[in-house]
Every structure is written in structure tokens, then in C-alpha cells.
Amino acid sequence: MYKKFFMGIAAMAAMTLVSCSSDDLNSLSDNSSKNEAISFDGYLGRSAVAVNGSRGSVLDIDGLKKEATGGFGVFGNYNATGNTYGENLFKNEQVTYSSSNTTSTKWAYKNTKYWPTEGHIDFLAYAPYVGETTLKNNTSIEFTVANKVADQKDLLWANAANKKKTDNPVKFTFNHALSRLGYTVKLNKDYTGTTIMLKKITLAGSADGATKKAFYTAGTIDLSKETKAEDLWKTPDPATKQNFDWFSGDQKKVTSTSAGNPDTDYLFVIPQDFSKKTDGADELYVIVEYTIQTGSTAIMTSKVYKKLERKFVQGTAYTINLTIGLTPIEFDVDVVTGWVNGDDEDITWD
């Protein structure tokens, strides 16, 4: 039986700006000898959000404020002149939100620091906060992509250079550092009396799902980079990679009505280019396994695959649209062969 398989992949264009507002603190005059406490405010830049509004594990401004997410981490470097990132003033300081905080921004931290009357401070930030995070080469942190989809987390980053006490509170505009992948699955039409069950979706670096790995397992993100920087991420050379069992376990019935992935099944991956066609270039295949049963007949298992040639960009959500089509078993008769003459048999009675 021949199975037709169609799959489209499209970048979600829906972008939503989510922000919170606050009143600026009254800054001290430039000639004041008094120091003012440094405070922070957090915003979210343009966010890769699904058109149906489901965010899954995506970290938005509301999620950033929740106690469970841990707020965001800050690195800060004081300089008399020139911009130099580092951590001589703030070293992975945790900043959390509470409506009961006495600061006007409601964002607070424990180890209060004060603005200098001369010079400035350069800030780097990321979210969600992780206690053991360290700064590499004055601007970067390391990030590991969990192999289990349910364990994956969104990652935000922001920076604010050359800030003085007249800029209080320091306002961070966070952006998504990863690419987010989702899927939909449907039949190309209704098949009366036939049940199609989705068994497994795998993303791999080879058509067999085993020979090659696809996605980077870890990388280093430069927190000082701008939103669309091509060199935001660096990966080890050679990079270690992994495949993902995107959907597996309990089978799901497939119908002609498009069904999206559960919120818990969004994939967060380090941006990666699978569009190159040169030798040794990264490759990505989506492999789909499903079963077919008509009435009470035997259950048949099918496996199909498709190579994806797509560059995944940070802060962008993509949907892989899977459409399964079946070709019915048909019969045809071209010719009925003629009789073949055998040996004659002579019988004589004398």
C-alpha cells in the first residue's frame, strides 16, 4: 500500500508585545552628593506566541513575575569611562517581583547597590534565574537544552549599557533567545470505517532516526548582543547533538480536523540552520509513525519521513503541519489469459 504524506512548515508571524508599566523614580540631580539605590524594571519585547494564544512553557511577562520562575538574573559592571561588561558590581543577582514590594517597580533584590555619582554601569540579564549561572568572557552564559520535552524551558536575555542614576530604574526589555517548534496533525480527508492512530513523531538528523543527530545539546549565548544578532549563539566545535522523540506513548486518533500539539509538547531549541546544502551541513528529518485499521482487520504500522530545510531563528515560533493521506488498495484486470493447448490424448477401442 502506498501512503501519501504531505507536510508544510511555516513561521508563525503573530507577534504580541507584552509589557508592564511603572512610574519612574524621581532621580537625584546630577550635582547631588547623595547616592540612590539601583532598582530594576522588566519588560518583554516582541514575543513568539501562537495564534491560538497558547503559550506552553513560554516565559512571558506574567510568568516572569511568578515566584516559581525565580525572576531574572543580573550581571553589572561599573566603569568610570567606556563600556565594559562584567560583574564587578552585580554577580548573578536575583531580581524578583512582588506586588507588596516597596519599590515603585515592584522588582527587588537582596544585596542593595547604589548609583555612583561618577561613571556608569553596564548591565546584562537573563531569565529564568538559575543560581549556579556564571558569566563567561564577561558577556556570555552557557545553556543546555533538556532532552525531555517536558523538562525544557524558555530562555530570555536583555542588556542595558552606559546606565547612570538618571536612568533609574534600569529597564530591561527581554527577548526570546531560542526557537520554538510546534506541530499540527490531520488526515487529508475522512476515511470512513478506517482508524488512523498517531504513534510517534521524531525529529532526527537522518531518515532512519538513528544514524545522525540533529539539534545542538548546548551552547553559549552572548547577553551583550542585539535582538537579531546572527552571532548571538556559539556552539562547541564539534557540536554535540541530540534527537527528540517529540510525540510518543499513548497513541492519538488522527482525524481530518487539524489538532495542535499540547502546550507541554512545544520544543525549545538553540537557533540552527538546516537550509544549507553543502557537504556536512546540519540536516533535519521529521519521522512519523502511525497505525491503520479498517473495521476488524489487522492493524498495520506505517512510517514516513520528510527532510526539513529551514533556518530556525531566535525568538521565532514555527509550526510543522503534518497531513497524512492514504491510498486505498484497488484492483484492476488488464487481460484474461487464453487457454494453453496441452498434449492430445488418443483413446482407441479396437
Protein backbone atom coordinates (compact mmCIF):
# COMPACT_ATOMS: atom_id res chain seq x y z
CA MET A 1 0.00 0.00 0.00
CA TYR A 2 1.34 3.42 -0.95
CA LYS A 3 0.92 6.19 1.58
CA LYS A 4 0.90 9.82 0.54
CA PHE A 5 2.46 12.22 3.01
CA PHE A 6 2.35 15.98 2.94
CA MET A 7 3.97 18.30 5.37
CA GLY A 8 4.28 22.04 5.43
CA ILE A 9 6.30 24.20 7.75
CA ALA A 10 5.55 27.85 8.34
CA ALA A 11 6.92 30.50 10.64
CA MET A 12 4.29 31.99 12.88
CA ALA A 13 4.07 35.67 12.20
CA ALA A 14 1.88 36.58 15.14
CA MET A 15 3.89 38.73 17.47
CA THR A 16 2.49 40.22 20.63
CA LEU A 17 4.04 42.96 22.69
CA VAL A 18 3.56 42.34 26.38
CA SER A 19 4.67 44.95 28.83
CA CYS A 20 4.13 46.27 32.29
CA SER A 21 4.21 49.91 33.26
CA SER A 22 5.60 51.70 36.26
CA ASP A 23 6.33 55.22 37.44
CA ASP A 24 9.97 56.23 37.22
CA LEU A 25 11.70 57.02 40.47
CA ASN A 26 12.46 60.67 40.93
CA SER A 27 16.13 60.83 40.06
CA LEU A 28 18.56 62.88 42.10
CA SER A 29 20.08 65.89 40.41
CA ASP A 30 23.45 65.37 38.74
CA ASN A 31 25.22 67.58 41.29
CA SER A 32 23.78 65.75 44.29
CA SER A 33 26.26 64.07 46.58
CA LYS A 34 23.59 61.58 47.68
CA ASN A 35 23.60 58.05 46.28
CA GLU A 36 20.41 56.46 45.13
CA ALA A 37 19.64 52.73 45.32
CA ILE A 38 19.80 50.94 41.97
CA SER A 39 16.44 49.46 41.00
CA PHE A 40 15.20 47.41 38.05
CA ASP A 41 12.14 47.08 35.86
CA GLY A 42 11.38 44.23 33.46
CA TYR A 43 9.59 44.24 30.12
CA LEU A 44 9.15 41.64 27.43
CA GLY A 45 9.91 42.51 23.83
CA ARG A 46 8.15 41.06 20.82
CA SER A 47 7.25 37.53 21.75
CA ALA A 48 6.84 34.43 19.62
CA VAL A 49 3.30 33.49 20.64
CA ALA A 50 0.99 31.00 18.95
CA VAL A 51 -2.03 32.43 17.15
CA ASN A 52 -4.37 30.43 19.35
CA GLY A 53 -2.93 32.13 22.41
CA SER A 54 -1.48 29.01 23.99
CA ARG A 55 1.98 29.65 25.36
CA GLY A 56 3.02 26.31 26.77
CA SER A 57 6.28 26.75 28.65
CA VAL A 58 6.93 30.10 27.00
CA LEU A 59 8.10 32.63 29.55
CA ASP A 60 6.04 35.81 29.22
CA ILE A 61 5.90 38.89 31.46
CA ASP A 62 3.29 37.29 33.73
CA GLY A 63 5.40 34.15 34.03
CA LEU A 64 8.48 36.24 34.76
CA LYS A 65 6.67 37.78 37.72
CA LYS A 66 5.65 34.45 39.22
CA GLU A 67 7.61 33.29 42.24
CA ALA A 68 8.00 29.79 40.79
CA THR A 69 10.02 31.05 37.81
CA GLY A 70 12.54 32.81 40.02
CA GLY A 71 12.52 36.17 38.27
CA PHE A 72 15.70 37.11 36.39
CA GLY A 73 19.44 37.23 37.00
CA VAL A 74 21.60 40.35 36.62
CA PHE A 75 25.30 40.93 35.99
CA GLY A 76 26.58 44.50 36.31
CA ASN A 77 29.91 46.18 35.77
CA TYR A 78 30.93 49.66 36.97
CA ASN A 79 33.16 51.73 34.70
CA ALA A 80 34.49 55.24 35.01
CA THR A 81 34.74 55.56 31.20
CA GLY A 82 33.92 53.31 28.24
CA ASN A 83 31.52 50.38 28.04
CA THR A 84 32.79 47.14 29.51
CA TYR A 85 30.51 44.29 30.54
CA GLY A 86 31.38 42.12 33.50
CA GLU A 87 30.38 41.50 37.12
CA ASN A 88 32.38 43.73 39.46
CA LEU A 89 29.13 45.14 40.95
CA PHE A 90 26.36 42.58 40.28
CA LYS A 91 27.21 38.90 40.07
CA ASN A 92 24.15 36.86 39.06
CA GLU A 93 21.93 38.91 41.37
CA GLN A 94 18.40 37.50 41.56
CA VAL A 95 15.66 40.06 40.93
CA THR A 96 12.10 39.00 41.78
CA TYR A 97 8.67 40.60 41.54
CA SER A 98 6.12 41.10 44.30
CA SER A 99 3.14 43.42 44.42
CA SER A 100 3.99 44.04 48.09
CA ASN A 101 7.49 45.33 47.31
CA THR A 102 8.02 48.90 48.46
CA THR A 103 9.92 49.90 45.32
CA SER A 104 7.89 51.62 42.65
CA THR A 105 8.72 48.96 40.06
CA LYS A 106 7.85 46.07 42.41
CA TRP A 107 11.07 44.35 41.28
CA ALA A 108 13.52 43.90 44.15
CA TYR A 109 16.78 42.17 45.07
CA LYS A 110 18.55 41.45 48.36
CA ASN A 111 22.05 42.90 48.07
CA THR A 112 21.21 46.55 47.52
CA LYS A 113 23.72 48.53 45.46
CA TYR A 114 23.85 52.31 44.94
CA TRP A 115 24.46 54.53 41.96
CA PRO A 116 27.86 56.18 41.70
CA THR A 117 27.98 59.94 41.23
CA GLU A 118 30.59 59.47 38.50
CA GLY A 119 30.92 56.88 35.75
CA HIS A 120 28.24 54.40 34.68
CA ILE A 121 27.17 50.75 34.91
CA ASP A 122 26.71 48.21 32.11
CA PHE A 123 24.09 45.53 32.79
CA LEU A 124 23.37 42.05 31.43
CA ALA A 125 20.30 39.99 32.34
CA TYR A 126 18.72 36.62 31.62
CA ALA A 127 15.65 34.64 32.71
CA PRO A 128 14.59 32.42 34.29
CA TYR A 129 17.07 32.79 37.14
CA VAL A 130 19.42 29.85 37.82
CA GLY A 131 21.56 30.09 40.94
CA GLU A 132 24.72 28.45 39.59
CA THR A 133 24.90 30.56 36.42
CA THR A 134 28.32 32.10 35.82
CA LEU A 135 29.49 34.71 33.33
CA LYS A 136 31.93 33.58 30.62
CA ASN A 137 34.27 36.05 28.88
CA ASN A 138 32.45 38.94 30.62
CA THR A 139 29.33 38.68 28.40
CA SER A 140 28.15 35.08 27.97
CA ILE A 141 26.41 32.28 29.84
CA GLU A 142 26.11 28.61 29.00
CA PHE A 143 22.78 26.94 28.27
CA THR A 144 21.84 23.26 27.94
CA VAL A 145 18.75 22.02 26.08
CA ALA A 146 16.93 19.30 28.04
CA ASN A 147 16.43 16.10 26.06
CA LYS A 148 12.97 15.50 27.52
CA VAL A 149 10.45 17.90 26.06
CA ALA A 150 8.60 18.21 29.37
CA ASP A 151 11.81 19.43 31.06
CA GLN A 152 12.59 22.18 28.55
CA LYS A 153 12.48 25.87 29.46
CA ASP A 154 12.25 29.11 27.56
CA LEU A 155 15.24 31.48 27.79
CA LEU A 156 15.17 35.29 27.79
CA TRP A 157 18.04 37.77 27.58
CA ALA A 158 18.50 41.53 27.82
CA ASN A 159 21.19 44.18 28.20
CA ALA A 160 21.40 47.83 29.20
CA ALA A 161 24.66 49.68 28.66
CA ASN A 162 26.01 53.00 29.92
CA LYS A 163 23.39 53.49 32.64
CA LYS A 164 23.59 56.26 35.22
CA LYS A 165 21.42 57.23 38.18
CA THR A 166 19.32 59.40 35.87
CA ASP A 167 18.29 56.11 34.21
CA ASN A 168 16.89 54.66 37.44
CA PRO A 169 15.12 52.24 37.37
CA VAL A 170 17.13 50.22 34.87
CA LYS A 171 14.58 48.95 32.34
CA PHE A 172 15.30 45.60 30.72
CA THR A 173 13.50 44.64 27.52
CA PHE A 174 13.73 40.85 27.38
CA ASN A 175 13.68 38.82 24.17
CA HIS A 176 13.38 35.10 23.48
CA ALA A 177 16.76 33.52 22.80
CA LEU A 178 15.53 30.16 21.50
CA SER A 179 13.43 28.93 18.58
CA ARG A 180 10.10 27.32 19.41
CA LEU A 181 8.63 24.42 17.44
CA GLY A 182 5.06 23.16 17.45
CA TYR A 183 3.10 20.78 15.26
CA THR A 184 -0.37 20.09 13.90
CA VAL A 185 -1.55 16.77 12.52
CA LYS A 186 -4.59 15.78 10.44
CA LEU A 187 -5.85 13.48 7.67
CA ASN A 188 -6.22 14.90 4.17
CA LYS A 189 -9.87 13.70 4.21
CA ASP A 190 -12.27 11.48 6.16
CA TYR A 191 -11.72 7.74 5.71
CA THR A 192 -15.00 6.03 6.58
CA GLY A 193 -14.53 2.90 8.65
CA THR A 194 -10.78 3.38 8.96
CA THR A 195 -8.99 4.43 12.15
CA ILE A 196 -5.63 6.20 11.99
CA MET A 197 -3.68 6.40 15.25
CA LEU A 198 -0.61 8.63 15.67
CA LYS A 199 2.09 6.53 17.27
CA LYS A 200 5.26 8.63 17.24
CA ILE A 201 6.83 11.84 15.93
CA THR A 202 10.61 12.01 15.90
CA LEU A 203 12.93 14.84 14.89
CA ALA A 204 16.30 13.45 13.88
CA GLY A 205 19.40 14.13 11.80
CA SER A 206 18.82 11.19 9.46
CA ALA A 207 15.87 9.47 7.81
CA ASP A 208 16.33 6.32 9.89
CA GLY A 209 16.17 8.32 13.12
CA ALA A 210 19.41 6.88 14.44
CA THR A 211 22.45 7.37 12.20
CA LYS A 212 22.85 11.12 12.81
CA LYS A 213 21.73 13.57 15.49
CA ALA A 214 20.08 16.89 14.64
CA PHE A 215 19.90 19.57 17.36
CA TYR A 216 22.61 21.22 19.44
CA THR A 217 22.57 19.97 23.01
CA ALA A 218 24.24 23.09 24.42
CA GLY A 219 25.57 26.49 23.50
CA THR A 220 26.86 29.79 24.80
CA ILE A 221 24.67 32.89 24.48
CA ASP A 222 26.24 36.35 24.41
CA LEU A 223 23.97 38.52 26.57
CA SER A 224 25.50 41.70 25.17
CA LYS A 225 24.16 41.08 21.64
CA GLU A 226 21.23 42.82 20.00
CA THR A 227 17.90 41.11 19.31
CA LYS A 228 18.58 39.94 15.75
CA ALA A 229 22.30 39.30 16.06
CA GLU A 230 23.45 36.43 13.86
CA ASP A 231 26.25 35.64 16.32
CA LEU A 232 24.05 35.54 19.43
CA TRP A 233 24.85 31.85 19.94
CA LYS A 234 28.08 29.88 19.80
CA THR A 235 28.21 26.09 19.92
CA PRO A 236 31.11 23.76 20.68
CA ASP A 237 33.19 22.62 17.71
CA PRO A 238 32.43 19.88 17.04
CA ALA A 239 28.95 20.38 18.49
CA THR A 240 27.28 17.58 20.39
CA LYS A 241 23.76 16.94 19.12
CA GLN A 242 20.57 15.12 20.05
CA ASN A 243 17.31 13.91 18.52
CA PHE A 244 13.87 14.35 20.02
CA ASP A 245 11.04 11.87 20.47
CA TRP A 246 8.51 14.63 20.08
CA PHE A 247 5.37 12.55 20.48
CA SER A 248 5.31 9.02 21.88
CA GLY A 249 3.49 6.96 24.46
CA ASP A 250 -0.30 6.91 24.36
CA GLN A 251 -1.47 6.89 20.75
CA LYS A 252 -3.70 9.67 19.47
CA LYS A 253 -6.51 9.31 16.93
CA VAL A 254 -5.97 11.38 13.81
CA THR A 255 -8.95 12.95 12.04
CA SER A 256 -9.48 15.38 9.17
CA THR A 257 -9.68 18.18 11.74
CA SER A 258 -6.30 19.73 12.45
CA ALA A 259 -5.10 19.14 16.03
CA GLY A 260 -2.18 21.04 17.52
CA ASN A 261 0.40 19.80 19.96
CA PRO A 262 -0.38 20.08 23.68
CA ASP A 263 1.17 23.05 25.44
CA THR A 264 3.63 20.70 27.10
CA ASP A 265 4.91 19.47 23.72
CA TYR A 266 6.46 22.69 22.46
CA LEU A 267 10.13 22.23 21.59
CA PHE A 268 12.66 24.90 22.55
CA VAL A 269 15.87 24.61 20.54
CA ILE A 270 19.03 26.64 20.05
CA PRO A 271 18.70 28.51 16.71
CA GLN A 272 20.15 26.39 13.93
CA ASP A 273 20.36 26.48 10.13
CA PHE A 274 19.10 23.34 8.38
CA SER A 275 18.73 25.04 4.99
CA LYS A 276 22.34 24.65 3.83
CA LYS A 277 23.00 22.09 1.11
CA THR A 278 26.78 21.82 1.43
CA ASP A 279 28.58 18.63 2.39
CA GLY A 280 28.49 18.03 6.11
CA ALA A 281 25.72 20.60 6.69
CA ASP A 282 23.24 20.05 9.51
CA GLU A 283 20.21 18.02 8.44
CA LEU A 284 16.77 17.59 9.98
CA TYR A 285 14.12 14.95 9.31
CA VAL A 286 10.65 14.60 10.76
CA ILE A 287 9.64 10.95 11.08
CA VAL A 288 6.02 9.99 11.70
CA GLU A 289 4.77 6.56 12.72
CA TYR A 290 1.08 5.72 12.72
CA THR A 291 -1.22 2.71 12.56
CA ILE A 292 -4.09 1.94 10.17
CA GLN A 293 -7.05 -0.29 10.87
CA THR A 294 -10.18 -0.75 8.76
CA GLY A 295 -13.04 -2.39 10.61
CA SER A 296 -11.82 -5.50 12.38
CA THR A 297 -8.91 -6.14 10.03
CA ALA A 298 -5.31 -6.42 11.18
CA ILE A 299 -3.60 -3.26 12.46
CA MET A 300 -0.89 -2.14 10.05
CA THR A 301 2.01 0.15 11.05
CA SER A 302 3.36 2.80 8.70
CA LYS A 303 6.42 5.04 8.94
CA VAL A 304 7.06 8.05 6.72
CA TYR A 305 9.64 10.82 6.80
CA LYS A 306 10.38 14.20 5.27
CA LYS A 307 13.54 16.30 5.21
CA LEU A 308 13.11 19.84 6.50
CA GLU A 309 15.22 22.61 5.03
CA ARG A 310 14.65 25.55 7.33
CA LYS A 311 16.72 28.07 9.25
CA PHE A 312 15.43 28.41 12.80
CA VAL A 313 15.88 31.94 14.18
CA GLN A 314 15.82 33.09 17.82
CA GLY A 315 12.54 34.47 19.10
CA THR A 316 10.54 32.84 16.30
CA ALA A 317 7.83 30.17 16.63
CA TYR A 318 7.44 27.58 13.87
CA THR A 319 4.66 25.08 13.22
CA ILE A 320 5.23 21.82 11.37
CA ASN A 321 1.93 20.90 9.71
CA LEU A 322 1.60 17.14 9.22
CA THR A 323 -1.07 15.88 6.80
CA ILE A 324 -1.47 12.13 6.38
CA GLY A 325 -3.13 10.71 3.29
CA LEU A 326 -3.92 7.08 2.49
CA THR A 327 -4.06 5.39 -0.88
CA PRO A 328 -6.76 2.69 -0.93
CA ILE A 329 -5.93 -0.80 -2.15
CA GLU A 330 -7.51 -1.15 -5.60
CA PHE A 331 -7.85 -3.98 -8.07
CA ASP A 332 -7.67 -3.99 -11.85
CA VAL A 333 -7.75 -6.66 -14.55
CA ASP A 334 -5.95 -5.99 -17.81
CA VAL A 335 -6.40 -9.31 -19.51
CA VAL A 336 -7.63 -12.84 -19.05
CA THR A 337 -5.08 -15.21 -20.48
CA GLY A 338 -6.27 -17.70 -23.12
CA TRP A 339 -6.25 -21.40 -22.93
CA VAL A 340 -2.99 -23.20 -23.49
CA ASN A 341 -3.24 -26.34 -25.63
CA GLY A 342 -1.95 -29.37 -23.89
CA ASP A 343 -0.89 -32.69 -25.44
CA ASP A 344 -3.68 -34.56 -27.14
CA GLU A 345 -4.69 -37.85 -25.67
CA ASP A 346 -5.80 -40.51 -28.16
CA ILE A 347 -8.01 -43.33 -26.94
CA THR A 348 -8.95 -46.16 -29.35
CA TRP A 349 -11.12 -49.21 -28.86
CA ASP A 350 -10.45 -51.99 -31.36
